[in-house]
Amino acid sequence: AMDEGRTVDVGGVPGFGEFLPDGSELLVPSQGIDIVARIDPATSAVTDVIDLPESCTAVHLVKLLPGETHAVVICEGDHVGPGTVVRISLANPDAPVPEESFEVGVYPDDLVAIGVGE
C-alpha cells in the first residue's frame, strides 16, 4: 500500500527518477522548476537540488549511465523545437554538477546508452 507519510515534495511535477545502485539516494527530476531533487530514501527528505542549465526545459527523466559516475537528464523542451540531454557528473557525491548539454530531437522521452562504458 502507498505510505502517504513518505510523500516527498520536489517543488514541481515529478518525473521519472532513478536510485543510485546502493539505494542511498533517489534522483528525481522536477518539471516546472527544472531541477533534479536528491532524495534520501531512508528519511524521505530532499537533501539537495541540482540546478539544470537554461537549455533544459520540461525535465522528464534521470538515468544513470554505465559506470555510475554520470547521469543524464532528458528535457522535453517545448514539444515543437528540439529537447536537450544534460550530462551530470556524480564524481563528487557531495556536489553533482551538470557538465554539458546538447540538443536532440523534438519531444525526447527516453535515452538508451549503446556502447558506453568506463
C-alpha atoms as a PDB file:
ATOM      1  CA  ALA A   1       0.000   0.000   0.000  1.00  0.00           C
ATOM      2  CA  MET A   2       1.039   3.574  -0.555  1.00  0.00           C
ATOM      3  CA  ASP A   3       2.502   5.205   2.567  1.00  0.00           C
ATOM      4  CA  GLU A   4       1.355   8.834   2.339  1.00  0.00           C
ATOM      5  CA  GLY A   5       3.670   9.705   5.217  1.00  0.00           C
ATOM      6  CA  ARG A   6       6.572   9.109   2.829  1.00  0.00           C
ATOM      7  CA  THR A   7       5.362  11.654   0.251  1.00  0.00           C
ATOM      8  CA  VAL A   8       8.144  13.971  -0.919  1.00  0.00           C
ATOM      9  CA  ASP A   9       7.500  17.445  -2.348  1.00  0.00           C
ATOM     10  CA  VAL A  10      10.006  18.126  -5.142  1.00  0.00           C
ATOM     11  CA  GLY A  11       8.678  21.616  -5.848  1.00  0.00           C
ATOM     12  CA  GLY A  12       7.149  20.824  -9.231  1.00  0.00           C
ATOM     13  CA  VAL A  13       5.791  17.891 -11.188  1.00  0.00           C
ATOM     14  CA  PRO A  14       7.977  14.828 -10.525  1.00  0.00           C
ATOM     15  CA  GLY A  15       9.295  12.900 -13.493  1.00  0.00           C
ATOM     16  CA  PHE A  16      10.950   9.514 -13.788  1.00  0.00           C
ATOM     17  CA  GLY A  17      13.726   9.161 -11.229  1.00  0.00           C
ATOM     18  CA  GLU A  18      16.474   6.665 -10.573  1.00  0.00           C
ATOM     19  CA  PHE A  19      18.058   5.182  -7.461  1.00  0.00           C
ATOM     20  CA  LEU A  20      21.815   5.069  -7.086  1.00  0.00           C
ATOM     21  CA  PRO A  21      22.933   1.411  -7.183  1.00  0.00           C
ATOM     22  CA  ASP A  22      23.483   1.199  -3.425  1.00  0.00           C
ATOM     23  CA  GLY A  23      19.990   2.602  -2.756  1.00  0.00           C
ATOM     24  CA  SER A  24      21.386   5.532  -0.778  1.00  0.00           C
ATOM     25  CA  GLU A  25      19.838   8.227  -2.945  1.00  0.00           C
ATOM     26  CA  LEU A  26      16.983   8.780  -5.380  1.00  0.00           C
ATOM     27  CA  LEU A  27      17.393  11.365  -8.149  1.00  0.00           C
ATOM     28  CA  VAL A  28      14.022  12.812  -9.215  1.00  0.00           C
ATOM     29  CA  PRO A  29      13.506  15.407 -11.947  1.00  0.00           C
ATOM     30  CA  SER A  30      11.026  18.162 -11.137  1.00  0.00           C
ATOM     31  CA  GLN A  31       9.237  19.721 -14.108  1.00  0.00           C
ATOM     32  CA  GLY A  32       8.138  23.329 -13.868  1.00  0.00           C
ATOM     33  CA  ILE A  33      11.196  24.369 -11.895  1.00  0.00           C
ATOM     34  CA  ASP A  34      13.503  22.123 -13.968  1.00  0.00           C
ATOM     35  CA  ILE A  35      15.789  20.765 -11.267  1.00  0.00           C
ATOM     36  CA  VAL A  36      16.813  17.312 -10.071  1.00  0.00           C
ATOM     37  CA  ALA A  37      15.970  16.655  -6.424  1.00  0.00           C
ATOM     38  CA  ARG A  38      18.314  14.453  -4.421  1.00  0.00           C
ATOM     39  CA  ILE A  39      16.237  12.404  -2.001  1.00  0.00           C
ATOM     40  CA  ASP A  40      17.351  10.278   0.939  1.00  0.00           C
ATOM     41  CA  PRO A  41      15.061   7.211   0.755  1.00  0.00           C
ATOM     42  CA  ALA A  42      15.635   6.407   4.429  1.00  0.00           C
ATOM     43  CA  THR A  43      14.214   9.741   5.615  1.00  0.00           C
ATOM     44  CA  SER A  44      12.125  10.863   2.607  1.00  0.00           C
ATOM     45  CA  ALA A  45      13.958  14.189   2.763  1.00  0.00           C
ATOM     46  CA  VAL A  46      15.176  16.272  -0.157  1.00  0.00           C
ATOM     47  CA  THR A  47      18.848  16.642   0.712  1.00  0.00           C
ATOM     48  CA  ASP A  48      19.848  18.902  -2.174  1.00  0.00           C
ATOM     49  CA  VAL A  49      18.832  20.052  -5.641  1.00  0.00           C
ATOM     50  CA  ILE A  50      20.856  20.015  -8.836  1.00  0.00           C
ATOM     51  CA  ASP A  51      20.177  23.137 -10.873  1.00  0.00           C
ATOM     52  CA  LEU A  52      19.962  22.453 -14.596  1.00  0.00           C
ATOM     53  CA  PRO A  53      21.078  24.798 -17.388  1.00  0.00           C
ATOM     54  CA  GLU A  54      18.528  27.122 -19.015  1.00  0.00           C
ATOM     55  CA  SER A  55      18.632  24.920 -22.116  1.00  0.00           C
ATOM     56  CA  CYS A  56      16.773  22.242 -20.118  1.00  0.00           C
ATOM     57  CA  THR A  57      13.047  22.918 -20.114  1.00  0.00           C
ATOM     58  CA  ALA A  58      10.374  20.424 -19.122  1.00  0.00           C
ATOM     59  CA  VAL A  59      12.746  17.970 -17.437  1.00  0.00           C
ATOM     60  CA  HIS A  60      11.395  14.445 -17.885  1.00  0.00           C
ATOM     61  CA  LEU A  61      13.715  11.748 -16.554  1.00  0.00           C
ATOM     62  CA  VAL A  62      17.048  10.935 -14.938  1.00  0.00           C
ATOM     63  CA  LYS A  63      19.030   7.859 -15.943  1.00  0.00           C
ATOM     64  CA  LEU A  64      22.377   6.567 -14.668  1.00  0.00           C
ATOM     65  CA  LEU A  65      24.997   5.788 -17.282  1.00  0.00           C
ATOM     66  CA  PRO A  66      27.053   2.591 -17.141  1.00  0.00           C
ATOM     67  CA  GLY A  67      29.889   3.017 -14.672  1.00  0.00           C
ATOM     68  CA  GLU A  68      27.612   5.108 -12.429  1.00  0.00           C
ATOM     69  CA  THR A  69      29.902   8.165 -12.465  1.00  0.00           C
ATOM     70  CA  HIS A  70      27.452  10.126 -14.616  1.00  0.00           C
ATOM     71  CA  ALA A  71      23.727  10.521 -15.051  1.00  0.00           C
ATOM     72  CA  VAL A  72      21.790  12.015 -17.926  1.00  0.00           C
ATOM     73  CA  VAL A  73      18.697  14.151 -17.740  1.00  0.00           C
ATOM     74  CA  ILE A  74      16.214  14.219 -20.615  1.00  0.00           C
ATOM     75  CA  CYS A  75      14.488  17.566 -21.131  1.00  0.00           C
ATOM     76  CA  GLU A  76      11.376  17.586 -23.344  1.00  0.00           C
ATOM     77  CA  GLY A  77      11.679  21.205 -24.428  1.00  0.00           C
ATOM     78  CA  ASP A  78       8.605  22.983 -25.802  1.00  0.00           C
ATOM     79  CA  HIS A  79       7.384  19.934 -27.804  1.00  0.00           C
ATOM     80  CA  VAL A  80       7.854  21.896 -31.044  1.00  0.00           C
ATOM     81  CA  GLY A  81      11.608  22.514 -31.182  1.00  0.00           C
ATOM     82  CA  PRO A  82      14.447  20.273 -30.022  1.00  0.00           C
ATOM     83  CA  GLY A  83      14.722  18.968 -26.486  1.00  0.00           C
ATOM     84  CA  THR A  84      18.028  18.533 -24.683  1.00  0.00           C
ATOM     85  CA  VAL A  85      20.110  15.962 -22.873  1.00  0.00           C
ATOM     86  CA  VAL A  86      22.162  17.132 -19.894  1.00  0.00           C
ATOM     87  CA  ARG A  87      25.058  15.047 -18.564  1.00  0.00           C
ATOM     88  CA  ILE A  88      25.676  15.318 -14.822  1.00  0.00           C
ATOM     89  CA  SER A  89      28.910  14.265 -13.134  1.00  0.00           C
ATOM     90  CA  LEU A  90      28.384  12.224  -9.982  1.00  0.00           C
ATOM     91  CA  ALA A  91      32.147  12.001  -9.329  1.00  0.00           C
ATOM     92  CA  ASN A  92      31.805  14.239  -6.278  1.00  0.00           C
ATOM     93  CA  PRO A  93      28.740  12.821  -4.497  1.00  0.00           C
ATOM     94  CA  ASP A  94      28.513  15.919  -2.301  1.00  0.00           C
ATOM     95  CA  ALA A  95      28.159  18.229  -5.296  1.00  0.00           C
ATOM     96  CA  PRO A  96      26.939  16.669  -8.574  1.00  0.00           C
ATOM     97  CA  VAL A  97      27.193  19.177 -11.405  1.00  0.00           C
ATOM     98  CA  PRO A  98      25.897  19.447 -14.968  1.00  0.00           C
ATOM     99  CA  GLU A  99      28.886  19.103 -17.299  1.00  0.00           C
ATOM    100  CA  GLU A 100      27.408  19.524 -20.755  1.00  0.00           C
ATOM    101  CA  SER A 101      24.161  19.588 -22.673  1.00  0.00           C
ATOM    102  CA  PHE A 102      23.208  19.069 -26.281  1.00  0.00           C
ATOM    103  CA  GLU A 103      20.077  19.309 -28.400  1.00  0.00           C
ATOM    104  CA  VAL A 104      18.238  16.220 -29.565  1.00  0.00           C
ATOM    105  CA  GLY A 105      15.012  15.610 -31.494  1.00  0.00           C
ATOM    106  CA  VAL A 106      11.612  17.057 -30.785  1.00  0.00           C
ATOM    107  CA  TYR A 107       9.949  15.940 -27.529  1.00  0.00           C
ATOM    108  CA  PRO A 108      12.513  13.335 -26.349  1.00  0.00           C
ATOM    109  CA  ASP A 109      11.155  10.742 -23.949  1.00  0.00           C
ATOM    110  CA  ASP A 110      13.997   8.354 -23.069  1.00  0.00           C
ATOM    111  CA  LEU A 111      17.643   7.531 -23.626  1.00  0.00           C
ATOM    112  CA  VAL A 112      19.351   4.229 -24.362  1.00  0.00           C
ATOM    113  CA  ALA A 113      23.120   4.019 -23.867  1.00  0.00           C
ATOM    114  CA  ILE A 114      24.715   1.858 -26.563  1.00  0.00           C
ATOM    115  CA  GLY A 115      28.412   1.045 -26.428  1.00  0.00           C
ATOM    116  CA  VAL A 116      29.006   3.307 -23.440  1.00  0.00           C
ATOM    117  CA  GLY A 117      31.494   2.090 -20.870  1.00  0.00           C
ATOM    118  CA  GLU A 118      34.208   3.109 -18.488  1.00  0.00           C
END
